[in-house]
Amino acid sequence: MIATLLAAIDANIPKITGQALLKNGLNTAYFIIGIVAVIMIVFSGYQYLTANGDSGKAATAMKTILFAVAGLVVAASAFAITSFVMGNV
């Protein structure tokens, strides 16, 4: 009776492979990185607009925008590479 109950419970548990788990984790990380980069670009754009002629604040905002875009490009490249590798395994 217990073996039958355990078999019924085990039949309803979804199975996930290690590759699928890794792919889901990486996709979640890329999504979070993308959201953070977009938020940083918007925030830095606001800082640039409100610099009021202060060249130091404007330069800091432009550097932050540059680094956020660079991070977005690196994340997109990593996504493309891992998608290619995971698709060809």
PDB file of N, CA and C in Angstrom:
ATOM      1  N   MET A   1       0.817  -1.184   0.000  1.00  0.00           N
ATOM      2  CA  MET A   1       0.000   0.000   0.000  1.00  0.00           C
ATOM      3  C   MET A   1       0.867   1.257   0.000  1.00  0.00           C
ATOM      4  N   ILE A   2       1.879   1.306   0.839  1.00  0.00           N
ATOM      5  CA  ILE A   2       2.745   2.484   0.884  1.00  0.00           C
ATOM      6  C   ILE A   2       3.518   2.621  -0.422  1.00  0.00           C
ATOM      7  N   ALA A   3       3.959   1.502  -0.992  1.00  0.00           N
ATOM      8  CA  ALA A   3       4.692   1.547  -2.263  1.00  0.00           C
ATOM      9  C   ALA A   3       3.804   2.092  -3.370  1.00  0.00           C
ATOM     10  N   THR A   4       2.540   1.726  -3.373  1.00  0.00           N
ATOM     11  CA  THR A   4       1.598   2.234  -4.377  1.00  0.00           C
ATOM     12  C   THR A   4       1.385   3.730  -4.194  1.00  0.00           C
ATOM     13  N   LEU A   5       1.263   4.177  -2.949  1.00  0.00           N
ATOM     14  CA  LEU A   5       1.087   5.596  -2.665  1.00  0.00           C
ATOM     15  C   LEU A   5       2.316   6.390  -3.087  1.00  0.00           C
ATOM     16  N   LEU A   6       3.507   5.891  -2.773  1.00  0.00           N
ATOM     17  CA  LEU A   6       4.737   6.577  -3.172  1.00  0.00           C
ATOM     18  C   LEU A   6       4.892   6.617  -4.682  1.00  0.00           C
ATOM     19  N   ALA A   7       4.505   5.556  -5.363  1.00  0.00           N
ATOM     20  CA  ALA A   7       4.583   5.532  -6.819  1.00  0.00           C
ATOM     21  C   ALA A   7       3.623   6.563  -7.419  1.00  0.00           C
ATOM     22  N   ALA A   8       2.444   6.721  -6.827  1.00  0.00           N
ATOM     23  CA  ALA A   8       1.479   7.705  -7.313  1.00  0.00           C
ATOM     24  C   ALA A   8       1.984   9.127  -7.079  1.00  0.00           C
ATOM     25  N   ILE A   9       2.602   9.356  -5.942  1.00  0.00           N
ATOM     26  CA  ILE A   9       3.147  10.678  -5.653  1.00  0.00           C
ATOM     27  C   ILE A   9       4.315  10.982  -6.596  1.00  0.00           C
ATOM     28  N   ASP A  10       5.186   9.996  -6.816  1.00  0.00           N
ATOM     29  CA  ASP A  10       6.337  10.177  -7.688  1.00  0.00           C
ATOM     30  C   ASP A  10       5.904  10.423  -9.128  1.00  0.00           C
ATOM     31  N   ALA A  11       4.781   9.875  -9.548  1.00  0.00           N
ATOM     32  CA  ALA A  11       4.311  10.059 -10.917  1.00  0.00           C
ATOM     33  C   ALA A  11       3.877  11.492 -11.170  1.00  0.00           C
ATOM     34  N   ASN A  12       3.466  12.206 -10.123  1.00  0.00           N
ATOM     35  CA  ASN A  12       2.980  13.568 -10.291  1.00  0.00           C
ATOM     36  C   ASN A  12       4.072  14.626 -10.112  1.00  0.00           C
ATOM     37  N   ILE A  13       5.272  14.231  -9.745  1.00  0.00           N
ATOM     38  CA  ILE A  13       6.364  15.186  -9.557  1.00  0.00           C
ATOM     39  C   ILE A  13       7.008  15.442 -10.910  1.00  0.00           C
ATOM     40  N   PRO A  14       7.052  16.720 -11.313  1.00  0.00           N
ATOM     41  CA  PRO A  14       7.678  17.005 -12.610  1.00  0.00           C
ATOM     42  C   PRO A  14       9.182  16.751 -12.563  1.00  0.00           C
ATOM     43  N   LYS A  15       9.703  16.235 -13.639  1.00  0.00           N
ATOM     44  CA  LYS A  15      11.130  15.942 -13.730  1.00  0.00           C
ATOM     45  C   LYS A  15      11.798  17.066 -14.524  1.00  0.00           C
ATOM     46  N   ILE A  16      12.977  17.476 -14.091  1.00  0.00           N
ATOM     47  CA  ILE A  16      13.736  18.490 -14.808  1.00  0.00           C
ATOM     48  C   ILE A  16      15.181  18.030 -14.883  1.00  0.00           C
ATOM     49  N   THR A  17      15.756  18.188 -16.053  1.00  0.00           N
ATOM     50  CA  THR A  17      17.139  17.773 -16.241  1.00  0.00           C
ATOM     51  C   THR A  17      18.074  18.877 -15.764  1.00  0.00           C
ATOM     52  N   GLY A  18      19.324  18.528 -15.594  1.00  0.00           N
ATOM     53  CA  GLY A  18      20.320  19.506 -15.189  1.00  0.00           C
ATOM     54  C   GLY A  18      20.494  20.598 -16.222  1.00  0.00           C
ATOM     55  N   GLN A  19      20.435  20.223 -17.510  1.00  0.00           N
ATOM     56  CA  GLN A  19      20.582  21.203 -18.581  1.00  0.00           C
ATOM     57  C   GLN A  19      19.415  22.192 -18.578  1.00  0.00           C
ATOM     58  N   ALA A  20      18.211  21.706 -18.364  1.00  0.00           N
ATOM     59  CA  ALA A  20      17.049  22.594 -18.322  1.00  0.00           C
ATOM     60  C   ALA A  20      17.116  23.520 -17.107  1.00  0.00           C
ATOM     61  N   LEU A  21      17.582  22.994 -15.988  1.00  0.00           N
ATOM     62  CA  LEU A  21      17.724  23.811 -14.784  1.00  0.00           C
ATOM     63  C   LEU A  21      18.768  24.910 -14.994  1.00  0.00           C
ATOM     64  N   LEU A  22      19.888  24.571 -15.606  1.00  0.00           N
ATOM     65  CA  LEU A  22      20.929  25.550 -15.910  1.00  0.00           C
ATOM     66  C   LEU A  22      20.415  26.601 -16.881  1.00  0.00           C
ATOM     67  N   LYS A  23      19.694  26.177 -17.892  1.00  0.00           N
ATOM     68  CA  LYS A  23      19.149  27.110 -18.883  1.00  0.00           C
ATOM     69  C   LYS A  23      18.157  28.072 -18.230  1.00  0.00           C
ATOM     70  N   ASN A  24      17.296  27.562 -17.364  1.00  0.00           N
ATOM     71  CA  ASN A  24      16.333  28.420 -16.666  1.00  0.00           C
ATOM     72  C   ASN A  24      17.042  29.408 -15.744  1.00  0.00           C
ATOM     73  N   GLY A  25      18.059  28.946 -15.049  1.00  0.00           N
ATOM     74  CA  GLY A  25      18.814  29.828 -14.164  1.00  0.00           C
ATOM     75  C   GLY A  25      19.538  30.925 -14.923  1.00  0.00           C
ATOM     76  N   LEU A  26      20.160  30.575 -16.029  1.00  0.00           N
ATOM     77  CA  LEU A  26      20.861  31.575 -16.836  1.00  0.00           C
ATOM     78  C   LEU A  26      19.882  32.576 -17.441  1.00  0.00           C
ATOM     79  N   ASN A  27      18.750  32.102 -17.932  1.00  0.00           N
ATOM     80  CA  ASN A  27      17.759  33.013 -18.502  1.00  0.00           C
ATOM     81  C   ASN A  27      17.231  33.981 -17.444  1.00  0.00           C
ATOM     82  N   THR A  28      17.038  33.504 -16.238  1.00  0.00           N
ATOM     83  CA  THR A  28      16.607  34.381 -15.149  1.00  0.00           C
ATOM     84  C   THR A  28      17.675  35.426 -14.846  1.00  0.00           C
ATOM     85  N   ALA A  29      18.930  35.002 -14.819  1.00  0.00           N
ATOM     86  CA  ALA A  29      20.026  35.946 -14.560  1.00  0.00           C
ATOM     87  C   ALA A  29      20.116  36.993 -15.663  1.00  0.00           C
ATOM     88  N   TYR A  30      19.985  36.576 -16.914  1.00  0.00           N
ATOM     89  CA  TYR A  30      20.036  37.531 -18.029  1.00  0.00           C
ATOM     90  C   TYR A  30      18.876  38.514 -17.965  1.00  0.00           C
ATOM     91  N   PHE A  31      17.716  38.040 -17.569  1.00  0.00           N
ATOM     92  CA  PHE A  31      16.550  38.913 -17.441  1.00  0.00           C
ATOM     93  C   PHE A  31      16.799  39.975 -16.369  1.00  0.00           C
ATOM     94  N   ILE A  32      17.309  39.554 -15.224  1.00  0.00           N
ATOM     95  CA  ILE A  32      17.582  40.494 -14.129  1.00  0.00           C
ATOM     96  C   ILE A  32      18.650  41.500 -14.540  1.00  0.00           C
ATOM     97  N   ILE A  33      19.700  41.031 -15.207  1.00  0.00           N
ATOM     98  CA  ILE A  33      20.756  41.926 -15.678  1.00  0.00           C
ATOM     99  C   ILE A  33      20.187  42.956 -16.650  1.00  0.00           C
ATOM    100  N   GLY A  34      19.320  42.521 -17.548  1.00  0.00           N
ATOM    101  CA  GLY A  34      18.705  43.443 -18.505  1.00  0.00           C
ATOM    102  C   GLY A  34      17.850  44.491 -17.826  1.00  0.00           C
ATOM    103  N   ILE A  35      17.065  44.080 -16.854  1.00  0.00           N
ATOM    104  CA  ILE A  35      16.209  45.026 -16.135  1.00  0.00           C
ATOM    105  C   ILE A  35      17.059  46.045 -15.379  1.00  0.00           C
ATOM    106  N   VAL A  36      18.100  45.574 -14.692  1.00  0.00           N
ATOM    107  CA  VAL A  36      18.971  46.482 -13.938  1.00  0.00           C
ATOM    108  C   VAL A  36      19.672  47.456 -14.887  1.00  0.00           C
ATOM    109  N   ALA A  37      20.122  46.986 -16.042  1.00  0.00           N
ATOM    110  CA  ALA A  37      20.801  47.868 -16.993  1.00  0.00           C
ATOM    111  C   ALA A  37      19.863  48.947 -17.509  1.00  0.00           C
ATOM    112  N   VAL A  38      18.639  48.585 -17.826  1.00  0.00           N
ATOM    113  CA  VAL A  38      17.672  49.573 -18.318  1.00  0.00           C
ATOM    114  C   VAL A  38      17.344  50.589 -17.222  1.00  0.00           C
ATOM    115  N   ILE A  39      17.183  50.126 -15.999  1.00  0.00           N
ATOM    116  CA  ILE A  39      16.925  51.044 -14.885  1.00  0.00           C
ATOM    117  C   ILE A  39      18.096  52.004 -14.709  1.00  0.00           C
ATOM    118  N   MET A  40      19.318  51.504 -14.807  1.00  0.00           N
ATOM    119  CA  MET A  40      20.493  52.364 -14.666  1.00  0.00           C
ATOM    120  C   MET A  40      20.583  53.378 -15.803  1.00  0.00           C
ATOM    121  N   ILE A  41      20.224  52.984 -17.000  1.00  0.00           N
ATOM    122  CA  ILE A  41      20.244  53.921 -18.132  1.00  0.00           C
ATOM    123  C   ILE A  41      19.226  55.032 -17.914  1.00  0.00           C
ATOM    124  N   VAL A  42      18.029  54.670 -17.484  1.00  0.00           N
ATOM    125  CA  VAL A  42      16.994  55.674 -17.239  1.00  0.00           C
ATOM    126  C   VAL A  42      17.413  56.590 -16.083  1.00  0.00           C
ATOM    127  N   PHE A  43      17.905  56.027 -15.003  1.00  0.00           N
ATOM    128  CA  PHE A  43      18.331  56.822 -13.851  1.00  0.00           C
ATOM    129  C   PHE A  43      19.476  57.766 -14.226  1.00  0.00           C
ATOM    130  N   SER A  44      20.438  57.268 -14.984  1.00  0.00           N
ATOM    131  CA  SER A  44      21.567  58.104 -15.391  1.00  0.00           C
ATOM    132  C   SER A  44      21.132  59.184 -16.372  1.00  0.00           C
ATOM    133  N   GLY A  45      20.164  58.861 -17.218  1.00  0.00           N
ATOM    134  CA  GLY A  45      19.621  59.881 -18.109  1.00  0.00           C
ATOM    135  C   GLY A  45      18.964  61.003 -17.326  1.00  0.00           C
ATOM    136  N   TYR A  46      18.258  60.639 -16.279  1.00  0.00           N
ATOM    137  CA  TYR A  46      17.652  61.648 -15.403  1.00  0.00           C
ATOM    138  C   TYR A  46      18.733  62.492 -14.728  1.00  0.00           C
ATOM    139  N   GLN A  47      19.797  61.836 -14.253  1.00  0.00           N
ATOM    140  CA  GLN A  47      20.898  62.583 -13.634  1.00  0.00           C
ATOM    141  C   GLN A  47      21.545  63.531 -14.639  1.00  0.00           C
ATOM    142  N   TYR A  48      21.678  63.093 -15.870  1.00  0.00           N
ATOM    143  CA  TYR A  48      22.284  63.940 -16.904  1.00  0.00           C
ATOM    144  C   TYR A  48      21.406  65.150 -17.185  1.00  0.00           C
ATOM    145  N   LEU A  49      20.090  64.909 -17.252  1.00  0.00           N
ATOM    146  CA  LEU A  49      19.176  66.018 -17.532  1.00  0.00           C
ATOM    147  C   LEU A  49      19.120  67.023 -16.387  1.00  0.00           C
ATOM    148  N   THR A  50      19.311  66.569 -15.173  1.00  0.00           N
ATOM    149  CA  THR A  50      19.228  67.458 -14.011  1.00  0.00           C
ATOM    150  C   THR A  50      20.598  67.947 -13.537  1.00  0.00           C
ATOM    151  N   ALA A  51      21.634  67.771 -14.338  1.00  0.00           N
ATOM    152  CA  ALA A  51      22.972  68.215 -13.956  1.00  0.00           C
ATOM    153  C   ALA A  51      23.069  69.740 -13.918  1.00  0.00           C
ATOM    154  N   ASN A  52      22.217  70.447 -14.635  1.00  0.00           N
ATOM    155  CA  ASN A  52      22.166  71.909 -14.643  1.00  0.00           C
ATOM    156  C   ASN A  52      23.527  72.551 -14.939  1.00  0.00           C
ATOM    157  N   GLY A  53      24.209  72.019 -15.929  1.00  0.00           N
ATOM    158  CA  GLY A  53      25.469  72.616 -16.340  1.00  0.00           C
ATOM    159  C   GLY A  53      26.679  72.189 -15.545  1.00  0.00           C
ATOM    160  N   ASP A  54      26.502  71.381 -14.522  1.00  0.00           N
ATOM    161  CA  ASP A  54      27.635  70.889 -13.733  1.00  0.00           C
ATOM    162  C   ASP A  54      28.329  69.786 -14.538  1.00  0.00           C
ATOM    163  N   SER A  55      29.521  70.084 -15.011  1.00  0.00           N
ATOM    164  CA  SER A  55      30.210  69.139 -15.894  1.00  0.00           C
ATOM    165  C   SER A  55      30.596  67.849 -15.168  1.00  0.00           C
ATOM    166  N   GLY A  56      30.863  67.914 -13.880  1.00  0.00           N
ATOM    167  CA  GLY A  56      31.204  66.713 -13.108  1.00  0.00           C
ATOM    168  C   GLY A  56      30.046  65.743 -13.024  1.00  0.00           C
ATOM    169  N   LYS A  57      28.846  66.268 -12.727  1.00  0.00           N
ATOM    170  CA  LYS A  57      27.653  65.409 -12.650  1.00  0.00           C
ATOM    171  C   LYS A  57      27.305  64.839 -14.016  1.00  0.00           C
ATOM    172  N   ALA A  58      27.444  65.677 -15.053  1.00  0.00           N
ATOM    173  CA  ALA A  58      27.127  65.218 -16.405  1.00  0.00           C
ATOM    174  C   ALA A  58      28.097  64.120 -16.842  1.00  0.00           C
ATOM    175  N   ALA A  59      29.366  64.289 -16.520  1.00  0.00           N
ATOM    176  CA  ALA A  59      30.363  63.274 -16.888  1.00  0.00           C
ATOM    177  C   ALA A  59      30.113  61.965 -16.150  1.00  0.00           C
ATOM    178  N   THR A  60      29.758  62.062 -14.872  1.00  0.00           N
ATOM    179  CA  THR A  60      29.445  60.856 -14.098  1.00  0.00           C
ATOM    180  C   THR A  60      28.240  60.131 -14.681  1.00  0.00           C
ATOM    181  N   ALA A  61      27.223  60.892 -15.050  1.00  0.00           N
ATOM    182  CA  ALA A  61      26.028  60.290 -15.637  1.00  0.00           C
ATOM    183  C   ALA A  61      26.349  59.633 -16.978  1.00  0.00           C
ATOM    184  N   MET A  62      27.167  60.277 -17.796  1.00  0.00           N
ATOM    185  CA  MET A  62      27.528  59.706 -19.094  1.00  0.00           C
ATOM    186  C   MET A  62      28.355  58.430 -18.929  1.00  0.00           C
ATOM    187  N   LYS A  63      29.255  58.403 -17.936  1.00  0.00           N
ATOM    188  CA  LYS A  63      30.030  57.187 -17.676  1.00  0.00           C
ATOM    189  C   LYS A  63      29.116  56.044 -17.242  1.00  0.00           C
ATOM    190  N   THR A  64      28.142  56.369 -16.403  1.00  0.00           N
ATOM    191  CA  THR A  64      27.213  55.340 -15.938  1.00  0.00           C
ATOM    192  C   THR A  64      26.388  54.796 -17.098  1.00  0.00           C
ATOM    193  N   ILE A  65      25.941  55.664 -17.984  1.00  0.00           N
ATOM    194  CA  ILE A  65      25.200  55.213 -19.164  1.00  0.00           C
ATOM    195  C   ILE A  65      26.085  54.318 -20.027  1.00  0.00           C
ATOM    196  N   LEU A  66      27.330  54.729 -20.230  1.00  0.00           N
ATOM    197  CA  LEU A  66      28.258  53.944 -21.042  1.00  0.00           C
ATOM    198  C   LEU A  66      28.476  52.560 -20.439  1.00  0.00           C
ATOM    199  N   PHE A  67      28.692  52.503 -19.125  1.00  0.00           N
ATOM    200  CA  PHE A  67      28.925  51.212 -18.477  1.00  0.00           C
ATOM    201  C   PHE A  67      27.669  50.341 -18.482  1.00  0.00           C
ATOM    202  N   ALA A  68      26.498  50.952 -18.339  1.00  0.00           N
ATOM    203  CA  ALA A  68      25.254  50.181 -18.377  1.00  0.00           C
ATOM    204  C   ALA A  68      25.026  49.596 -19.763  1.00  0.00           C
ATOM    205  N   VAL A  69      25.298  50.372 -20.796  1.00  0.00           N
ATOM    206  CA  VAL A  69      25.143  49.865 -22.168  1.00  0.00           C
ATOM    207  C   VAL A  69      26.175  48.774 -22.434  1.00  0.00           C
ATOM    208  N   ALA A  70      27.409  48.970 -21.963  1.00  0.00           N
ATOM    209  CA  ALA A  70      28.432  47.936 -22.133  1.00  0.00           C
ATOM    210  C   ALA A  70      28.023  46.649 -21.416  1.00  0.00           C
ATOM    211  N   GLY A  71      27.486  46.768 -20.219  1.00  0.00           N
ATOM    212  CA  GLY A  71      27.009  45.591 -19.500  1.00  0.00           C
ATOM    213  C   GLY A  71      25.872  44.897 -20.222  1.00  0.00           C
ATOM    214  N   LEU A  72      25.001  45.688 -20.828  1.00  0.00           N
ATOM    215  CA  LEU A  72      23.893  45.116 -21.601  1.00  0.00           C
ATOM    216  C   LEU A  72      24.409  44.366 -22.820  1.00  0.00           C
ATOM    217  N   VAL A  73      25.421  44.911 -23.475  1.00  0.00           N
ATOM    218  CA  VAL A  73      26.022  44.241 -24.634  1.00  0.00           C
ATOM    219  C   VAL A  73      26.708  42.945 -24.209  1.00  0.00           C
ATOM    220  N   VAL A  74      27.426  42.972 -23.099  1.00  0.00           N
ATOM    221  CA  VAL A  74      28.087  41.760 -22.600  1.00  0.00           C
ATOM    222  C   VAL A  74      27.047  40.704 -22.232  1.00  0.00           C
ATOM    223  N   ALA A  75      25.963  41.107 -21.583  1.00  0.00           N
ATOM    224  CA  ALA A  75      24.913  40.153 -21.200  1.00  0.00           C
ATOM    225  C   ALA A  75      24.236  39.567 -22.441  1.00  0.00           C
ATOM    226  N   ALA A  76      23.987  40.402 -23.451  1.00  0.00           N
ATOM    227  CA  ALA A  76      23.376  39.905 -24.683  1.00  0.00           C
ATOM    228  C   ALA A  76      24.313  38.934 -25.400  1.00  0.00           C
ATOM    229  N   SER A  77      25.600  39.231 -25.393  1.00  0.00           N
ATOM    230  CA  SER A  77      26.577  38.325 -26.001  1.00  0.00           C
ATOM    231  C   SER A  77      26.639  37.001 -25.240  1.00  0.00           C
ATOM    232  N   ALA A  78      26.629  37.077 -23.927  1.00  0.00           N
ATOM    233  CA  ALA A  78      26.640  35.855 -23.117  1.00  0.00           C
ATOM    234  C   ALA A  78      25.389  35.029 -23.371  1.00  0.00           C
ATOM    235  N   PHE A  79      24.247  35.705 -23.507  1.00  0.00           N
ATOM    236  CA  PHE A  79      23.003  34.996 -23.812  1.00  0.00           C
ATOM    237  C   PHE A  79      23.100  34.294 -25.155  1.00  0.00           C
ATOM    238  N   ALA A  80      23.624  34.985 -26.159  1.00  0.00           N
ATOM    239  CA  ALA A  80      23.750  34.392 -27.492  1.00  0.00           C
ATOM    240  C   ALA A  80      24.693  33.191 -27.470  1.00  0.00           C
ATOM    241  N   ILE A  81      25.807  33.328 -26.778  1.00  0.00           N
ATOM    242  CA  ILE A  81      26.782  32.232 -26.725  1.00  0.00           C
ATOM    243  C   ILE A  81      26.210  31.028 -25.989  1.00  0.00           C
ATOM    244  N   THR A  82      25.602  31.266 -24.831  1.00  0.00           N
ATOM    245  CA  THR A  82      25.058  30.123 -24.077  1.00  0.00           C
ATOM    246  C   THR A  82      23.863  29.498 -24.794  1.00  0.00           C
ATOM    247  N   SER A  83      23.070  30.279 -25.483  1.00  0.00           N
ATOM    248  CA  SER A  83      21.958  29.713 -26.252  1.00  0.00           C
ATOM    249  C   SER A  83      22.480  28.842 -27.383  1.00  0.00           C
ATOM    250  N   PHE A  84      23.551  29.299 -28.035  1.00  0.00           N
ATOM    251  CA  PHE A  84      24.153  28.508 -29.101  1.00  0.00           C
ATOM    252  C   PHE A  84      24.726  27.208 -28.573  1.00  0.00           C
ATOM    253  N   VAL A  85      25.451  27.294 -27.465  1.00  0.00           N
ATOM    254  CA  VAL A  85      26.086  26.098 -26.901  1.00  0.00           C
ATOM    255  C   VAL A  85      25.039  25.130 -26.362  1.00  0.00           C
ATOM    256  N   MET A  86      24.047  25.645 -25.643  1.00  0.00           N
ATOM    257  CA  MET A  86      23.019  24.771 -25.074  1.00  0.00           C
ATOM    258  C   MET A  86      22.147  24.154 -26.171  1.00  0.00           C
ATOM    259  N   GLY A  87      21.991  24.873 -27.272  1.00  0.00           N
ATOM    260  CA  GLY A  87      21.192  24.332 -28.368  1.00  0.00           C
ATOM    261  C   GLY A  87      21.906  23.273 -29.151  1.00  0.00           C
ATOM    262  N   ASN A  88      23.245  23.258 -29.114  1.00  0.00           N
ATOM    263  CA  ASN A  88      24.017  22.308 -29.900  1.00  0.00           C
ATOM    264  C   ASN A  88      24.574  21.164 -29.071  1.00  0.00           C
ATOM    265  N   VAL A  89      24.163  21.046 -27.827  1.00  0.00           N
ATOM    266  CA  VAL A  89      24.661  19.960 -26.989  1.00  0.00           C
ATOM    267  C   VAL A  89      23.861  18.716 -27.242  1.00  0.00           C
TER     268      VAL A  89
END
